[in-house]
PDB file of N, CA and C in Angstrom:
ATOM      1  N   MET A   1     107.166  60.348  60.636  1.00  0.00           N
ATOM      2  CA  MET A   1     105.869  60.657  60.077  1.00  0.00           C
ATOM      3  C   MET A   1     106.100  61.149  58.654  1.00  0.00           C
ATOM      4  N   GLY A   2     105.301  60.659  57.772  1.00  0.00           N
ATOM      5  CA  GLY A   2     105.489  61.000  56.377  1.00  0.00           C
ATOM      6  C   GLY A   2     104.729  62.242  55.963  1.00  0.00           C
ATOM      7  N   LEU A   3     104.772  62.475  54.681  1.00  0.00           N
ATOM      8  CA  LEU A   3     104.118  63.653  54.105  1.00  0.00           C
ATOM      9  C   LEU A   3     102.607  63.633  54.336  1.00  0.00           C
ATOM     10  N   ILE A   4     101.996  62.465  54.198  1.00  0.00           N
ATOM     11  CA  ILE A   4     100.541  62.372  54.397  1.00  0.00           C
ATOM     12  C   ILE A   4     100.193  62.686  55.852  1.00  0.00           C
ATOM     13  N   GLY A   5     100.979  62.197  56.775  1.00  0.00           N
ATOM     14  CA  GLY A   5     100.739  62.483  58.191  1.00  0.00           C
ATOM     15  C   GLY A   5     100.848  63.969  58.488  1.00  0.00           C
ATOM     16  N   GLU A   6     101.849  64.606  57.906  1.00  0.00           N
ATOM     17  CA  GLU A   6     102.015  66.050  58.096  1.00  0.00           C
ATOM     18  C   GLU A   6     100.830  66.820  57.533  1.00  0.00           C
ATOM     19  N   VAL A   7     100.357  66.418  56.365  1.00  0.00           N
ATOM     20  CA  VAL A   7      99.215  67.086  55.737  1.00  0.00           C
ATOM     21  C   VAL A   7      97.968  66.902  56.591  1.00  0.00           C
ATOM     22  N   LEU A   8      97.768  65.702  57.119  1.00  0.00           N
ATOM     23  CA  LEU A   8      96.591  65.440  57.947  1.00  0.00           C
ATOM     24  C   LEU A   8      96.638  66.213  59.266  1.00  0.00           C
ATOM     25  N   LEU A   9      97.814  66.423  59.807  1.00  0.00           N
ATOM     26  CA  LEU A   9      97.945  67.132  61.082  1.00  0.00           C
ATOM     27  C   LEU A   9      98.064  68.648  60.916  1.00  0.00           C
ATOM     28  N   LEU A  10      98.137  69.126  59.684  1.00  0.00           N
ATOM     29  CA  LEU A  10      98.290  70.555  59.441  1.00  0.00           C
ATOM     30  C   LEU A  10      97.214  71.417  60.112  1.00  0.00           C
ATOM     31  N   PRO A  11      95.958  70.999  60.139  1.00  0.00           N
ATOM     32  CA  PRO A  11      94.951  71.837  60.819  1.00  0.00           C
ATOM     33  C   PRO A  11      95.212  72.013  62.311  1.00  0.00           C
ATOM     34  N   PHE A  12      96.004  71.124  62.900  1.00  0.00           N
ATOM     35  CA  PHE A  12      96.291  71.211  64.327  1.00  0.00           C
ATOM     36  C   PHE A  12      97.546  72.022  64.636  1.00  0.00           C
ATOM     37  N   ALA A  13      98.180  72.571  63.630  1.00  0.00           N
ATOM     38  CA  ALA A  13      99.409  73.337  63.820  1.00  0.00           C
ATOM     39  C   ALA A  13      99.223  74.508  64.784  1.00  0.00           C
ATOM     40  N   PRO A  14      98.134  75.277  64.695  1.00  0.00           N
ATOM     41  CA  PRO A  14      97.966  76.376  65.652  1.00  0.00           C
ATOM     42  C   PRO A  14      97.859  75.895  67.097  1.00  0.00           C
ATOM     43  N   VAL A  15      97.234  74.752  67.307  1.00  0.00           N
ATOM     44  CA  VAL A  15      97.105  74.202  68.652  1.00  0.00           C
ATOM     45  C   VAL A  15      98.472  73.781  69.171  1.00  0.00           C
ATOM     46  N   ARG A  16      99.244  73.108  68.332  1.00  0.00           N
ATOM     47  CA  ARG A  16     100.588  72.690  68.746  1.00  0.00           C
ATOM     48  C   ARG A  16     101.468  73.901  69.020  1.00  0.00           C
ATOM     49  N   GLY A  17     101.344  74.924  68.197  1.00  0.00           N
ATOM     50  CA  GLY A  17     102.123  76.144  68.413  1.00  0.00           C
ATOM     51  C   GLY A  17     101.723  76.842  69.699  1.00  0.00           C
ATOM     52  N   SER A  18     100.438  76.901  69.969  1.00  0.00           N
ATOM     53  CA  SER A  18      99.960  77.523  71.209  1.00  0.00           C
ATOM     54  C   SER A  18     100.441  76.749  72.428  1.00  0.00           C
ATOM     55  N   ALA A  19     100.400  75.423  72.337  1.00  0.00           N
ATOM     56  CA  ALA A  19     100.871  74.594  73.448  1.00  0.00           C
ATOM     57  C   ALA A  19     102.351  74.847  73.711  1.00  0.00           C
ATOM     58  N   TRP A  20     103.130  75.002  72.661  1.00  0.00           N
ATOM     59  CA  TRP A  20     104.558  75.270  72.826  1.00  0.00           C
ATOM     60  C   TRP A  20     104.770  76.615  73.515  1.00  0.00           C
ATOM     61  N   VAL A  21     104.038  77.639  73.086  1.00  0.00           N
ATOM     62  CA  VAL A  21     104.170  78.969  73.688  1.00  0.00           C
ATOM     63  C   VAL A  21     103.776  78.925  75.162  1.00  0.00           C
ATOM     64  N   ILE A  22     102.687  78.257  75.470  1.00  0.00           N
ATOM     65  CA  ILE A  22     102.244  78.146  76.865  1.00  0.00           C
ATOM     66  C   ILE A  22     103.303  77.435  77.701  1.00  0.00           C
ATOM     67  N   GLY A  23     103.892  76.391  77.145  1.00  0.00           N
ATOM     68  CA  GLY A  23     104.963  75.675  77.856  1.00  0.00           C
ATOM     69  C   GLY A  23     106.160  76.577  78.123  1.00  0.00           C
ATOM     70  N   GLN A  24     106.538  77.400  77.143  1.00  0.00           N
ATOM     71  CA  GLN A  24     107.661  78.314  77.324  1.00  0.00           C
ATOM     72  C   GLN A  24     107.363  79.346  78.412  1.00  0.00           C
ATOM     73  N   VAL A  25     106.155  79.893  78.396  1.00  0.00           N
ATOM     74  CA  VAL A  25     105.757  80.889  79.401  1.00  0.00           C
ATOM     75  C   VAL A  25     105.754  80.249  80.788  1.00  0.00           C
ATOM     76  N   LEU A  26     105.239  79.041  80.901  1.00  0.00           N
ATOM     77  CA  LEU A  26     105.200  78.347  82.179  1.00  0.00           C
ATOM     78  C   LEU A  26     106.603  78.089  82.713  1.00  0.00           C
ATOM     79  N   ARG A  27     107.510  77.633  81.856  1.00  0.00           N
ATOM     80  CA  ARG A  27     108.895  77.394  82.293  1.00  0.00           C
ATOM     81  C   ARG A  27     109.561  78.676  82.778  1.00  0.00           C
ATOM     82  N   GLU A  28     109.344  79.776  82.078  1.00  0.00           N
ATOM     83  CA  GLU A  28     109.946  81.049  82.488  1.00  0.00           C
ATOM     84  C   GLU A  28     109.343  81.531  83.815  1.00  0.00           C
ATOM     85  N   ALA A  29     108.043  81.362  83.971  1.00  0.00           N
ATOM     86  CA  ALA A  29     107.398  81.766  85.229  1.00  0.00           C
ATOM     87  C   ALA A  29     107.941  80.943  86.394  1.00  0.00           C
ATOM     88  N   GLU A  30     108.104  79.643  86.200  1.00  0.00           N
ATOM     89  CA  GLU A  30     108.661  78.798  87.252  1.00  0.00           C
ATOM     90  C   GLU A  30     110.110  79.169  87.539  1.00  0.00           C
ATOM     91  N   ARG A  31     110.871  79.457  86.496  1.00  0.00           N
ATOM     92  CA  ARG A  31     112.277  79.837  86.701  1.00  0.00           C
ATOM     93  C   ARG A  31     112.365  81.087  87.568  1.00  0.00           C
ATOM     94  N   ARG A  32     111.534  82.071  87.272  1.00  0.00           N
ATOM     95  CA  ARG A  32     111.560  83.309  88.055  1.00  0.00           C
ATOM     96  C   ARG A  32     111.036  83.090  89.471  1.00  0.00           C
ATOM     97  N   TYR A  33     110.010  82.268  89.621  1.00  0.00           N
ATOM     98  CA  TYR A  33     109.400  82.021  90.927  1.00  0.00           C
ATOM     99  C   TYR A  33     110.393  81.357  91.865  1.00  0.00           C
ATOM    100  N   TYR A  34     111.191  80.422  91.368  1.00  0.00           N
ATOM    101  CA  TYR A  34     112.138  79.681  92.192  1.00  0.00           C
ATOM    102  C   TYR A  34     113.558  80.247  92.143  1.00  0.00           C
ATOM    103  N   ASP A  35     113.775  81.358  91.475  1.00  0.00           N
ATOM    104  CA  ASP A  35     115.104  81.957  91.380  1.00  0.00           C
ATOM    105  C   ASP A  35     115.591  82.357  92.768  1.00  0.00           C
ATOM    106  N   PRO A  36     116.708  81.781  93.242  1.00  0.00           N
ATOM    107  CA  PRO A  36     117.177  82.080  94.591  1.00  0.00           C
ATOM    108  C   PRO A  36     117.409  83.571  94.843  1.00  0.00           C
ATOM    109  N   ALA A  37     117.902  84.305  93.871  1.00  0.00           N
ATOM    110  CA  ALA A  37     118.139  85.742  94.067  1.00  0.00           C
ATOM    111  C   ALA A  37     116.819  86.482  94.302  1.00  0.00           C
ATOM    112  N   ALA A  38     115.790  86.120  93.562  1.00  0.00           N
ATOM    113  CA  ALA A  38     114.488  86.762  93.733  1.00  0.00           C
ATOM    114  C   ALA A  38     113.891  86.422  95.095  1.00  0.00           C
ATOM    115  N   VAL A  39     114.027  85.169  95.512  1.00  0.00           N
ATOM    116  CA  VAL A  39     113.481  84.753  96.810  1.00  0.00           C
ATOM    117  C   VAL A  39     114.220  85.470  97.941  1.00  0.00           C
ATOM    118  N   ARG A  40     115.534  85.586  97.820  1.00  0.00           N
ATOM    119  CA  ARG A  40     116.292  86.307  98.862  1.00  0.00           C
ATOM    120  C   ARG A  40     115.862  87.773  98.932  1.00  0.00           C
ATOM    121  N   GLY A  41     115.601  88.371  97.791  1.00  0.00           N
ATOM    122  CA  GLY A  41     115.116  89.749  97.780  1.00  0.00           C
ATOM    123  C   GLY A  41     113.771  89.872  98.472  1.00  0.00           C
ATOM    124  N   GLU A  42     112.890  88.903  98.241  1.00  0.00           N
ATOM    125  CA  GLU A  42     111.587  88.914  98.897  1.00  0.00           C
ATOM    126  C   GLU A  42     111.735  88.711 100.401  1.00  0.00           C
ATOM    127  N   LEU A  43     112.697  87.880 100.805  1.00  0.00           N
ATOM    128  CA  LEU A  43     112.950  87.697 102.238  1.00  0.00           C
ATOM    129  C   LEU A  43     113.424  88.997 102.884  1.00  0.00           C
ATOM    130  N   ALA A  44     114.308  89.713 102.208  1.00  0.00           N
ATOM    131  CA  ALA A  44     114.801  90.987 102.735  1.00  0.00           C
ATOM    132  C   ALA A  44     113.664  91.996 102.848  1.00  0.00           C
ATOM    133  N   LEU A  45     112.814  92.054 101.838  1.00  0.00           N
ATOM    134  CA  LEU A  45     111.669  92.955 101.870  1.00  0.00           C
ATOM    135  C   LEU A  45     110.721  92.590 103.001  1.00  0.00           C
ATOM    136  N   LEU A  46     110.509  91.308 103.190  1.00  0.00           N
ATOM    137  CA  LEU A  46     109.636  90.847 104.269  1.00  0.00           C
ATOM    138  C   LEU A  46     110.177  91.275 105.627  1.00  0.00           C
ATOM    139  N   GLU A  47     111.491  91.167 105.805  1.00  0.00           N
ATOM    140  CA  GLU A  47     112.106  91.581 107.069  1.00  0.00           C
ATOM    141  C   GLU A  47     111.965  93.094 107.280  1.00  0.00           C
ATOM    142  N   ARG A  48     112.129  93.864 106.218  1.00  0.00           N
ATOM    143  CA  ARG A  48     111.957  95.322 106.335  1.00  0.00           C
ATOM    144  C   ARG A  48     110.524  95.669 106.717  1.00  0.00           C
ATOM    145  N   ARG A  49     109.571  94.942 106.148  1.00  0.00           N
ATOM    146  CA  ARG A  49     108.165  95.197 106.476  1.00  0.00           C
ATOM    147  C   ARG A  49     107.881  94.875 107.936  1.00  0.00           C
ATOM    148  N   LEU A  50     108.512  93.826 108.463  1.00  0.00           N
ATOM    149  CA  LEU A  50     108.342  93.478 109.871  1.00  0.00           C
ATOM    150  C   LEU A  50     108.927  94.569 110.759  1.00  0.00           C
ATOM    151  N   GLU A  51     110.135  95.015 110.426  1.00  0.00           N
ATOM    152  CA  GLU A  51     110.793  96.056 111.214  1.00  0.00           C
ATOM    153  C   GLU A  51     110.034  97.377 111.164  1.00  0.00           C
ATOM    154  N   ALA A  52     109.358  97.643 110.053  1.00  0.00           N
ATOM    155  CA  ALA A  52     108.591  98.884 109.914  1.00  0.00           C
ATOM    156  C   ALA A  52     107.213  98.777 110.565  1.00  0.00           C
ATOM    157  N   GLY A  53     106.859  97.596 111.042  1.00  0.00           N
ATOM    158  CA  GLY A  53     105.579  97.408 111.690  1.00  0.00           C
ATOM    159  C   GLY A  53     104.414  97.221 110.730  1.00  0.00           C
ATOM    160  N   GLU A  54     104.714  96.975 109.461  1.00  0.00           N
ATOM    161  CA  GLU A  54     103.655  96.781 108.471  1.00  0.00           C
ATOM    162  C   GLU A  54     102.984  95.417 108.603  1.00  0.00           C
ATOM    163  N   ILE A  55     103.717  94.435 109.117  1.00  0.00           N
ATOM    164  CA  ILE A  55     103.160  93.104 109.339  1.00  0.00           C
ATOM    165  C   ILE A  55     103.525  92.651 110.745  1.00  0.00           C
ATOM    166  N   ASP A  56     102.758  91.703 111.272  1.00  0.00           N
ATOM    167  CA  ASP A  56     103.063  91.196 112.609  1.00  0.00           C
ATOM    168  C   ASP A  56     103.950  89.956 112.514  1.00  0.00           C
ATOM    169  N   GLU A  57     104.378  89.449 113.665  1.00  0.00           N
ATOM    170  CA  GLU A  57     105.285  88.301 113.746  1.00  0.00           C
ATOM    171  C   GLU A  57     104.663  87.061 113.095  1.00  0.00           C
ATOM    172  N   GLU A  58     103.367  86.862 113.306  1.00  0.00           N
ATOM    173  CA  GLU A  58     102.687  85.684 112.757  1.00  0.00           C
ATOM    174  C   GLU A  58     102.704  85.700 111.231  1.00  0.00           C
ATOM    175  N   GLU A  59     102.379  86.843 110.653  1.00  0.00           N
ATOM    176  CA  GLU A  59     102.402  86.979 109.193  1.00  0.00           C
ATOM    177  C   GLU A  59     103.826  86.799 108.669  1.00  0.00           C
ATOM    178  N   PHE A  60     104.792  87.369 109.378  1.00  0.00           N
ATOM    179  CA  PHE A  60     106.195  87.234 108.985  1.00  0.00           C
ATOM    180  C   PHE A  60     106.602  85.764 108.962  1.00  0.00           C
ATOM    181  N   ASP A  61     106.284  85.034 110.042  1.00  0.00           N
ATOM    182  CA  ASP A  61     106.663  83.622 110.123  1.00  0.00           C
ATOM    183  C   ASP A  61     106.021  82.801 109.010  1.00  0.00           C
ATOM    184  N   ARG A  62     104.749  83.068 108.727  1.00  0.00           N
ATOM    185  CA  ARG A  62     104.049  82.325 107.685  1.00  0.00           C
ATOM    186  C   ARG A  62     104.688  82.563 106.322  1.00  0.00           C
ATOM    187  N   ARG A  63     104.910  83.834 105.978  1.00  0.00           N
ATOM    188  CA  ARG A  63     105.505  84.174 104.677  1.00  0.00           C
ATOM    189  C   ARG A  63     106.955  83.711 104.589  1.00  0.00           C
ATOM    190  N   GLU A  64     107.688  83.814 105.707  1.00  0.00           N
ATOM    191  CA  GLU A  64     109.078  83.375 105.705  1.00  0.00           C
ATOM    192  C   GLU A  64     109.167  81.878 105.412  1.00  0.00           C
ATOM    193  N   ASP A  65     108.280  81.087 106.015  1.00  0.00           N
ATOM    194  CA  ASP A  65     108.270  79.644 105.749  1.00  0.00           C
ATOM    195  C   ASP A  65     108.010  79.360 104.272  1.00  0.00           C
ATOM    196  N   GLU A  66     107.060  80.079 103.682  1.00  0.00           N
ATOM    197  CA  GLU A  66     106.762  79.892 102.261  1.00  0.00           C
ATOM    198  C   GLU A  66     107.980  80.232 101.399  1.00  0.00           C
ATOM    199  N   LEU A  67     108.615  81.357 101.718  1.00  0.00           N
ATOM    200  CA  LEU A  67     109.770  81.781 100.921  1.00  0.00           C
ATOM    201  C   LEU A  67     110.953  80.830 101.090  1.00  0.00           C
ATOM    202  N   LEU A  68     111.169  80.340 102.307  1.00  0.00           N
ATOM    203  CA  LEU A  68     112.265  79.394 102.529  1.00  0.00           C
ATOM    204  C   LEU A  68     112.010  78.080 101.803  1.00  0.00           C
ATOM    205  N   ASP A  69     110.751  77.657 101.722  1.00  0.00           N
ATOM    206  CA  ASP A  69     110.424  76.455 100.939  1.00  0.00           C
ATOM    207  C   ASP A  69     110.739  76.678  99.461  1.00  0.00           C
ATOM    208  N   ARG A  70     110.377  77.859  98.945  1.00  0.00           N
ATOM    209  CA  ARG A  70     110.695  78.183  97.548  1.00  0.00           C
ATOM    210  C   ARG A  70     112.192  78.215  97.325  1.00  0.00           C
ATOM    211  N   LEU A  71     112.921  78.809  98.255  1.00  0.00           N
ATOM    212  CA  LEU A  71     114.381  78.890  98.128  1.00  0.00           C
ATOM    213  C   LEU A  71     114.991  77.494  98.114  1.00  0.00           C
ATOM    214  N   GLU A  72     114.543  76.646  99.013  1.00  0.00           N
ATOM    215  CA  GLU A  72     115.060  75.277  99.067  1.00  0.00           C
ATOM    216  C   GLU A  72     114.764  74.529  97.764  1.00  0.00           C
ATOM    217  N   THR A  73     113.559  74.679  97.253  1.00  0.00           N
ATOM    218  CA  THR A  73     113.194  74.026  96.000  1.00  0.00           C
ATOM    219  C   THR A  73     114.076  74.523  94.854  1.00  0.00           C
ATOM    220  N   GLY A  74     114.287  75.822  94.798  1.00  0.00           N
ATOM    221  CA  GLY A  74     115.121  76.386  93.746  1.00  0.00           C
ATOM    222  C   GLY A  74     116.564  75.942  93.834  1.00  0.00           C
ATOM    223  N   LEU A  75     117.079  75.822  95.052  1.00  0.00           N
ATOM    224  CA  LEU A  75     118.480  75.447  95.231  1.00  0.00           C
ATOM    225  C   LEU A  75     118.732  73.961  94.983  1.00  0.00           C
ATOM    226  N   ARG A  76     117.727  73.127  95.221  1.00  0.00           N
ATOM    227  CA  ARG A  76     117.945  71.688  95.025  1.00  0.00           C
ATOM    228  C   ARG A  76     117.545  71.203  93.646  1.00  0.00           C
ATOM    229  N   GLY A  77     117.110  72.115  92.793  1.00  0.00           N
ATOM    230  CA  GLY A  77     116.828  71.731  91.414  1.00  0.00           C
ATOM    231  C   GLY A  77     115.411  71.265  91.182  1.00  0.00           C
ATOM    232  N   GLY A  78     114.470  71.835  91.909  1.00  0.00           N
ATOM    233  CA  GLY A  78     113.063  71.474  91.747  1.00  0.00           C
ATOM    234  C   GLY A  78     112.456  72.136  90.527  1.00  0.00           C
ATOM    235  N   PRO A  79     111.127  72.306  90.531  1.00  0.00           N
ATOM    236  CA  PRO A  79     110.418  72.875  89.369  1.00  0.00           C
ATOM    237  C   PRO A  79     111.015  74.201  88.915  1.00  0.00           C
ATOM    238  N   GLY A  80     111.354  74.278  87.657  1.00  0.00           N
ATOM    239  CA  GLY A  80     111.856  75.512  87.078  1.00  0.00           C
ATOM    240  C   GLY A  80     113.288  75.832  87.422  1.00  0.00           C
ATOM    241  N   ALA A  81     113.886  75.058  88.288  1.00  0.00           N
ATOM    242  CA  ALA A  81     115.236  75.371  88.730  1.00  0.00           C
ATOM    243  C   ALA A  81     116.299  74.924  87.736  1.00  0.00           C
ATOM    244  N   ALA A  82     115.939  74.102  86.783  1.00  0.00           N
ATOM    245  CA  ALA A  82     116.920  73.634  85.804  1.00  0.00           C
ATOM    246  C   ALA A  82     117.522  74.798  85.039  1.00  0.00           C
ATOM    247  N   ALA A  83     116.738  75.855  84.829  1.00  0.00           N
ATOM    248  CA  ALA A  83     117.212  76.991  84.048  1.00  0.00           C
ATOM    249  C   ALA A  83     117.788  78.096  84.914  1.00  0.00           C
ATOM    250  N   VAL A  84     117.716  77.949  86.236  1.00  0.00           N
ATOM    251  CA  VAL A  84     118.223  79.006  87.106  1.00  0.00           C
ATOM    252  C   VAL A  84     119.715  79.179  86.891  1.00  0.00           C
ATOM    253  N   GLY A  85     120.125  80.399  86.669  1.00  0.00           N
ATOM    254  CA  GLY A  85     121.530  80.699  86.485  1.00  0.00           C
ATOM    255  C   GLY A  85     122.023  80.462  85.069  1.00  0.00           C
ATOM    256  N   THR A  86     121.151  80.035  84.188  1.00  0.00           N
ATOM    257  CA  THR A  86     121.567  79.847  82.813  1.00  0.00           C
ATOM    258  C   THR A  86     121.001  80.943  81.963  1.00  0.00           C
ATOM    259  N   ASP A  87     121.602  81.139  80.852  1.00  0.00           N
ATOM    260  CA  ASP A  87     121.169  82.176  79.932  1.00  0.00           C
ATOM    261  C   ASP A  87     121.110  81.559  78.549  1.00  0.00           C
ATOM    262  N   ASP A  88     119.937  81.593  77.910  1.00  0.00           N
ATOM    263  CA  ASP A  88     119.779  80.973  76.601  1.00  0.00           C
ATOM    264  C   ASP A  88     120.473  81.758  75.492  1.00  0.00           C
ATOM    265  N   ARG A  89     120.815  83.030  75.772  1.00  0.00           N
ATOM    266  CA  ARG A  89     121.473  83.827  74.735  1.00  0.00           C
ATOM    267  C   ARG A  89     122.912  83.366  74.572  1.00  0.00           C
ATOM    268  N   THR A  90     123.414  83.461  73.375  1.00  0.00           N
ATOM    269  CA  THR A  90     124.792  83.088  73.135  1.00  0.00           C
ATOM    270  C   THR A  90     125.707  84.204  73.619  1.00  0.00           C
ATOM    271  N   THR A  91     126.855  83.801  74.139  1.00  0.00           N
ATOM    272  CA  THR A  91     127.815  84.802  74.603  1.00  0.00           C
ATOM    273  C   THR A  91     128.668  85.259  73.457  1.00  0.00           C
ATOM    274  N   ARG A  92     129.077  86.483  73.520  1.00  0.00           N
ATOM    275  CA  ARG A  92     129.897  87.039  72.427  1.00  0.00           C
ATOM    276  C   ARG A  92     131.288  87.294  72.898  1.00  0.00           C
TER     277      ARG A  92
END
């Protein structure tokens, strides 16, 4: 794209910038949602809640199935899992 194209698209720069920011936020949210360590922590918490009598067996089974699906997705490289275990910061 040449100089004229850049000048013509200049008014749309804030929209393109906003779209980029939204994309970054979405990727980070997906990475955290499917992070196997986070899902395992939620599974442990769910089990503690069952043992404490805060939830019943039916609620436990329903939530456990949801969490296991998330764990499987995260481990097989589904949505947001590409960044799991990586760190964008440079190592020193």
